[in-house]
């Protein structure tokens, strides 16, 4: 009985760890005709994301934001939720960030004033 309970507990842990991972290639939500591809991967005990490609009016272009890390130290909170920081390239400021991954969609927000003022984007997983 104890072996079954232990095996079940490890099974739940493995399922939670593999459910809705943030790691992968994501497309940002278009903003004024521009969007980017962001590669998210491990960075220490968290996840970070860097802009790899940028597009304007559906054509790739060489933005000065390419190579910038915009998802910073996102730590898993369980259930596909993550907390960390996000960089907003438009003003080059870092905000308190949250992400929720559900399948191939991610809701990402950056907040100031203790979460009173937030901007939110929906990203789509490409890989």
C-alpha atoms as a PDB file:
ATOM      1  CA  UNK A   1       0.000   0.000   0.000  1.00  0.00           C
ATOM      2  CA  UNK A   2       2.821   2.412   0.884  1.00  0.00           C
ATOM      3  CA  UNK A   3       4.593   1.623  -2.404  1.00  0.00           C
ATOM      4  CA  UNK A   4       1.394   2.414  -4.334  1.00  0.00           C
ATOM      5  CA  UNK A   5       0.922   5.728  -2.503  1.00  0.00           C
ATOM      6  CA  UNK A   6       4.559   6.662  -3.110  1.00  0.00           C
ATOM      7  CA  UNK A   7       4.306   5.759  -6.808  1.00  0.00           C
ATOM      8  CA  UNK A   8       1.080   7.752  -7.130  1.00  0.00           C
ATOM      9  CA  UNK A   9       2.698  10.778  -5.474  1.00  0.00           C
ATOM     10  CA  UNK A  10       5.665  10.647  -7.871  1.00  0.00           C
ATOM     11  CA  UNK A  11       3.232  10.291 -10.774  1.00  0.00           C
ATOM     12  CA  UNK A  12       1.393  13.452  -9.714  1.00  0.00           C
ATOM     13  CA  UNK A  13       4.667  15.346  -9.364  1.00  0.00           C
ATOM     14  CA  UNK A  14       5.808  14.244 -12.833  1.00  0.00           C
ATOM     15  CA  UNK A  15       2.439  15.213 -14.337  1.00  0.00           C
ATOM     16  CA  UNK A  16       2.513  18.663 -12.704  1.00  0.00           C
ATOM     17  CA  UNK A  17       6.072  19.238 -13.874  1.00  0.00           C
ATOM     18  CA  UNK A  18       5.239  18.341 -17.474  1.00  0.00           C
ATOM     19  CA  UNK A  19       1.838  20.072 -17.641  1.00  0.00           C
ATOM     20  CA  UNK A  20       1.754  23.310 -19.629  1.00  0.00           C
ATOM     21  CA  UNK A  21       5.482  24.046 -19.840  1.00  0.00           C
ATOM     22  CA  UNK A  22       6.557  27.583 -20.670  1.00  0.00           C
ATOM     23  CA  UNK A  23       9.663  26.384 -22.514  1.00  0.00           C
ATOM     24  CA  UNK A  24       9.510  26.786 -26.301  1.00  0.00           C
ATOM     25  CA  UNK A  25       9.258  29.278 -29.154  1.00  0.00           C
ATOM     26  CA  UNK A  26       6.426  31.805 -28.803  1.00  0.00           C
ATOM     27  CA  UNK A  27       4.942  34.502 -31.032  1.00  0.00           C
ATOM     28  CA  UNK A  28       4.000  37.716 -29.254  1.00  0.00           C
ATOM     29  CA  UNK A  29       0.677  39.398 -29.764  1.00  0.00           C
ATOM     30  CA  UNK A  30       0.832  41.906 -32.645  1.00  0.00           C
ATOM     31  CA  UNK A  31       1.110  45.504 -31.461  1.00  0.00           C
ATOM     32  CA  UNK A  32       0.726  48.262 -34.061  1.00  0.00           C
ATOM     33  CA  UNK A  33       1.538  45.750 -36.810  1.00  0.00           C
ATOM     34  CA  UNK A  34       4.715  44.464 -35.133  1.00  0.00           C
ATOM     35  CA  UNK A  35       5.356  41.154 -33.364  1.00  0.00           C
ATOM     36  CA  UNK A  36       8.298  38.975 -32.343  1.00  0.00           C
ATOM     37  CA  UNK A  37       9.369  35.396 -31.792  1.00  0.00           C
ATOM     38  CA  UNK A  38      10.595  34.752 -28.249  1.00  0.00           C
ATOM     39  CA  UNK A  39      12.588  31.635 -27.336  1.00  0.00           C
ATOM     40  CA  UNK A  40      11.974  30.636 -23.706  1.00  0.00           C
ATOM     41  CA  UNK A  41      14.277  28.199 -21.950  1.00  0.00           C
ATOM     42  CA  UNK A  42      15.833  27.402 -18.580  1.00  0.00           C
ATOM     43  CA  UNK A  43      17.995  30.011 -16.847  1.00  0.00           C
ATOM     44  CA  UNK A  44      19.118  28.712 -13.485  1.00  0.00           C
ATOM     45  CA  UNK A  45      16.054  27.559 -11.514  1.00  0.00           C
ATOM     46  CA  UNK A  46      13.721  29.701 -13.625  1.00  0.00           C
ATOM     47  CA  UNK A  47      12.870  30.396 -17.294  1.00  0.00           C
ATOM     48  CA  UNK A  48      13.935  33.326 -19.455  1.00  0.00           C
ATOM     49  CA  UNK A  49      12.911  34.411 -22.935  1.00  0.00           C
ATOM     50  CA  UNK A  50      14.860  36.253 -25.622  1.00  0.00           C
ATOM     51  CA  UNK A  51      13.588  37.896 -28.804  1.00  0.00           C
ATOM     52  CA  UNK A  52      14.984  35.891 -31.735  1.00  0.00           C
ATOM     53  CA  UNK A  53      13.118  37.378 -34.724  1.00  0.00           C
ATOM     54  CA  UNK A  54      11.039  40.513 -35.294  1.00  0.00           C
ATOM     55  CA  UNK A  55       8.316  41.313 -37.824  1.00  0.00           C
ATOM     56  CA  UNK A  56       6.483  44.438 -38.958  1.00  0.00           C
ATOM     57  CA  UNK A  57       3.460  44.286 -41.270  1.00  0.00           C
ATOM     58  CA  UNK A  58       4.082  40.503 -41.540  1.00  0.00           C
ATOM     59  CA  UNK A  59       7.584  40.978 -42.990  1.00  0.00           C
ATOM     60  CA  UNK A  60      10.717  40.159 -41.011  1.00  0.00           C
ATOM     61  CA  UNK A  61      12.855  43.171 -40.150  1.00  0.00           C
ATOM     62  CA  UNK A  62      15.968  43.866 -38.093  1.00  0.00           C
ATOM     63  CA  UNK A  63      14.643  45.491 -34.916  1.00  0.00           C
ATOM     64  CA  UNK A  64      16.987  46.871 -32.237  1.00  0.00           C
ATOM     65  CA  UNK A  65      14.990  44.657 -29.824  1.00  0.00           C
ATOM     66  CA  UNK A  66      16.375  41.446 -31.339  1.00  0.00           C
ATOM     67  CA  UNK A  67      18.485  39.654 -28.757  1.00  0.00           C
ATOM     68  CA  UNK A  68      16.847  41.378 -25.785  1.00  0.00           C
ATOM     69  CA  UNK A  69      15.750  39.196 -22.896  1.00  0.00           C
ATOM     70  CA  UNK A  70      12.131  40.171 -22.223  1.00  0.00           C
ATOM     71  CA  UNK A  71      10.978  37.253 -20.028  1.00  0.00           C
ATOM     72  CA  UNK A  72      13.145  37.267 -16.919  1.00  0.00           C
ATOM     73  CA  UNK A  73      13.425  34.666 -14.147  1.00  0.00           C
ATOM     74  CA  UNK A  74       9.917  33.180 -14.503  1.00  0.00           C
ATOM     75  CA  UNK A  75       9.566  30.665 -11.675  1.00  0.00           C
ATOM     76  CA  UNK A  76       6.915  27.902 -11.898  1.00  0.00           C
ATOM     77  CA  UNK A  77       4.061  28.347  -9.420  1.00  0.00           C
ATOM     78  CA  UNK A  78       2.181  25.176 -10.403  1.00  0.00           C
ATOM     79  CA  UNK A  79      -0.773  24.584 -12.700  1.00  0.00           C
ATOM     80  CA  UNK A  80       0.907  26.292 -15.680  1.00  0.00           C
ATOM     81  CA  UNK A  81       1.439  29.572 -13.769  1.00  0.00           C
ATOM     82  CA  UNK A  82       4.753  31.417 -13.540  1.00  0.00           C
ATOM     83  CA  UNK A  83       5.976  34.567 -11.751  1.00  0.00           C
ATOM     84  CA  UNK A  84       8.986  36.711 -12.575  1.00  0.00           C
ATOM     85  CA  UNK A  85       9.673  39.865 -14.532  1.00  0.00           C
ATOM     86  CA  UNK A  86       9.065  41.168 -18.049  1.00  0.00           C
ATOM     87  CA  UNK A  87      10.870  43.834 -20.030  1.00  0.00           C
ATOM     88  CA  UNK A  88       8.723  46.166 -22.108  1.00  0.00           C
ATOM     89  CA  UNK A  89      10.926  47.125 -25.069  1.00  0.00           C
ATOM     90  CA  UNK A  90       8.803  50.220 -25.835  1.00  0.00           C
ATOM     91  CA  UNK A  91      10.017  51.969 -22.652  1.00  0.00           C
ATOM     92  CA  UNK A  92      12.938  49.662 -21.754  1.00  0.00           C
ATOM     93  CA  UNK A  93      11.507  49.163 -18.232  1.00  0.00           C
ATOM     94  CA  UNK A  94      11.215  45.943 -16.248  1.00  0.00           C
ATOM     95  CA  UNK A  95       7.862  45.093 -14.681  1.00  0.00           C
ATOM     96  CA  UNK A  96       6.593  42.468 -12.265  1.00  0.00           C
ATOM     97  CA  UNK A  97       5.402  39.657 -14.505  1.00  0.00           C
ATOM     98  CA  UNK A  98       3.043  36.704 -14.530  1.00  0.00           C
ATOM     99  CA  UNK A  99       2.435  34.067 -17.162  1.00  0.00           C
ATOM    100  CA  UNK A 100      -0.205  31.376 -17.444  1.00  0.00           C
ATOM    101  CA  UNK A 101       0.320  28.642 -20.011  1.00  0.00           C
ATOM    102  CA  UNK A 102      -2.603  26.604 -21.299  1.00  0.00           C
ATOM    103  CA  UNK A 103      -1.642  24.256 -24.111  1.00  0.00           C
ATOM    104  CA  UNK A 104      -0.300  26.375 -26.975  1.00  0.00           C
ATOM    105  CA  UNK A 105      -1.465  29.699 -25.513  1.00  0.00           C
ATOM    106  CA  UNK A 106       0.135  31.915 -22.909  1.00  0.00           C
ATOM    107  CA  UNK A 107      -1.310  34.947 -21.127  1.00  0.00           C
ATOM    108  CA  UNK A 108       1.567  37.197 -20.102  1.00  0.00           C
ATOM    109  CA  UNK A 109       1.210  40.350 -18.014  1.00  0.00           C
ATOM    110  CA  UNK A 110       3.493  43.038 -16.669  1.00  0.00           C
ATOM    111  CA  UNK A 111       2.359  45.145 -13.709  1.00  0.00           C
ATOM    112  CA  UNK A 112       3.340  48.214 -11.683  1.00  0.00           C
ATOM    113  CA  UNK A 113       1.986  49.778  -8.491  1.00  0.00           C
ATOM    114  CA  UNK A 114       1.665  46.439  -6.735  1.00  0.00           C
ATOM    115  CA  UNK A 115      -0.415  44.966  -9.559  1.00  0.00           C
ATOM    116  CA  UNK A 116      -2.891  47.845  -9.842  1.00  0.00           C
ATOM    117  CA  UNK A 117      -1.860  48.741 -13.390  1.00  0.00           C
ATOM    118  CA  UNK A 118      -1.166  45.851 -15.767  1.00  0.00           C
ATOM    119  CA  UNK A 119      -0.691  45.309 -19.483  1.00  0.00           C
ATOM    120  CA  UNK A 120      -1.531  41.883 -20.861  1.00  0.00           C
ATOM    121  CA  UNK A 121      -0.690  40.000 -24.047  1.00  0.00           C
ATOM    122  CA  UNK A 122      -1.662  36.606 -25.386  1.00  0.00           C
ATOM    123  CA  UNK A 123       1.144  34.669 -27.041  1.00  0.00           C
ATOM    124  CA  UNK A 124       0.926  31.601 -29.285  1.00  0.00           C
ATOM    125  CA  UNK A 125       3.343  28.661 -29.140  1.00  0.00           C
ATOM    126  CA  UNK A 126       5.154  28.039 -32.416  1.00  0.00           C
ATOM    127  CA  UNK A 127       7.270  25.090 -31.198  1.00  0.00           C
END
